[in-house]
Protein backbone atom coordinates (compact mmCIF):
# COMPACT_ATOMS: atom_id res chain seq x y z
CA UNK A 1 9.69 1.46 -2.12
CA UNK A 2 11.03 -1.96 -1.28
CA UNK A 3 9.33 -3.91 -2.86
CA UNK A 4 6.90 -4.93 -6.26
CA UNK A 5 3.72 -4.10 -5.36
CA UNK A 6 1.00 -6.75 -6.74
CA UNK A 7 -2.84 -6.37 -7.67
CA UNK A 8 -5.37 -6.32 -4.58
CA UNK A 9 -2.28 -4.77 -1.89
CA UNK A 10 -3.07 -1.80 -0.07
CA UNK A 11 -1.23 1.21 -0.80
CA UNK A 12 -0.68 4.75 0.39
CA UNK A 13 0.88 7.61 -0.73
CA UNK A 14 3.56 8.91 0.25
CA UNK A 15 5.21 12.46 0.58
CA UNK A 16 7.25 12.17 -2.55
CA UNK A 17 3.86 12.50 -4.34
CA UNK A 18 3.70 15.00 -7.72
CA UNK A 19 -0.51 13.95 -8.79
CA UNK A 20 -2.65 16.14 -7.97
CA UNK A 21 -5.40 16.15 -6.04
CA UNK A 22 -3.72 12.87 -3.56
CA UNK A 23 -2.27 13.97 0.01
CA UNK A 24 0.46 11.97 1.36
CA UNK A 25 -1.93 9.33 3.57
CA UNK A 26 -4.46 9.18 0.98
CA UNK A 27 -5.32 5.01 0.72
CA UNK A 28 -6.32 3.13 -2.54
CA UNK A 29 -5.57 -0.87 -4.00
CA UNK A 30 -3.45 -1.48 -6.40
CA UNK A 31 -5.49 -2.45 -9.23
CA UNK A 32 -2.51 -3.50 -11.61
CA UNK A 33 1.47 -2.63 -12.26
CA UNK A 34 3.40 -2.14 -15.48
CA UNK A 35 6.69 -1.18 -16.46
CA UNK A 36 7.82 1.45 -18.92
CA UNK A 37 9.43 0.14 -22.08
CA UNK A 38 11.10 3.27 -22.27
CA UNK A 39 12.51 4.01 -18.98
CA UNK A 40 12.29 0.65 -16.78
CA UNK A 41 10.47 2.28 -14.03
CA UNK A 42 7.53 0.33 -12.33
CA UNK A 43 4.19 2.40 -12.27
CA UNK A 44 0.92 1.40 -10.98
CA UNK A 45 -3.12 1.94 -11.35
CA UNK A 46 -4.42 2.40 -7.69
CA UNK A 47 -8.03 3.11 -7.38
CA UNK A 48 -8.26 5.21 -4.68
CA UNK A 49 -10.21 5.22 -1.48
CA UNK A 50 -11.65 8.99 -1.71
CA UNK A 51 -12.89 8.50 -5.67
CA UNK A 52 -15.76 6.29 -5.13
CA UNK A 53 -16.26 2.57 -6.16
CA UNK A 54 -16.87 3.82 -10.04
CA UNK A 55 -13.08 5.68 -10.57
CA UNK A 56 -11.22 4.03 -12.81
CA UNK A 57 -7.70 4.74 -11.52
CA UNK A 58 -5.07 6.54 -11.00
CA UNK A 59 -1.40 6.01 -12.03
CA UNK A 60 1.64 6.63 -9.50
CA UNK A 61 5.36 5.80 -9.79
CA UNK A 62 6.75 3.65 -7.67
CA UNK A 63 8.13 6.13 -5.55
CA UNK A 64 4.61 8.10 -5.19
CA UNK A 65 3.09 5.13 -3.07
CA UNK A 66 4.27 2.66 -0.79
CA UNK A 67 2.36 -0.34 1.15
CA UNK A 68 -0.15 0.30 3.69
CA UNK A 69 1.25 -1.91 6.54
């Protein structure tokens, strides 16, 4: 991923995804971003379309999603 994603931005899962139950191309909306204090890696909580409106979000590492442009 080349840029920092922002809350509200649409994203899709990449082929590098390792989160069970999600396939490349699945789409969602970024809820929030954070950075691991231990590793410095950025991660994102994403509301995935297929999970419905009651889902709390899925945590993806920055290389597992990309902007859906």
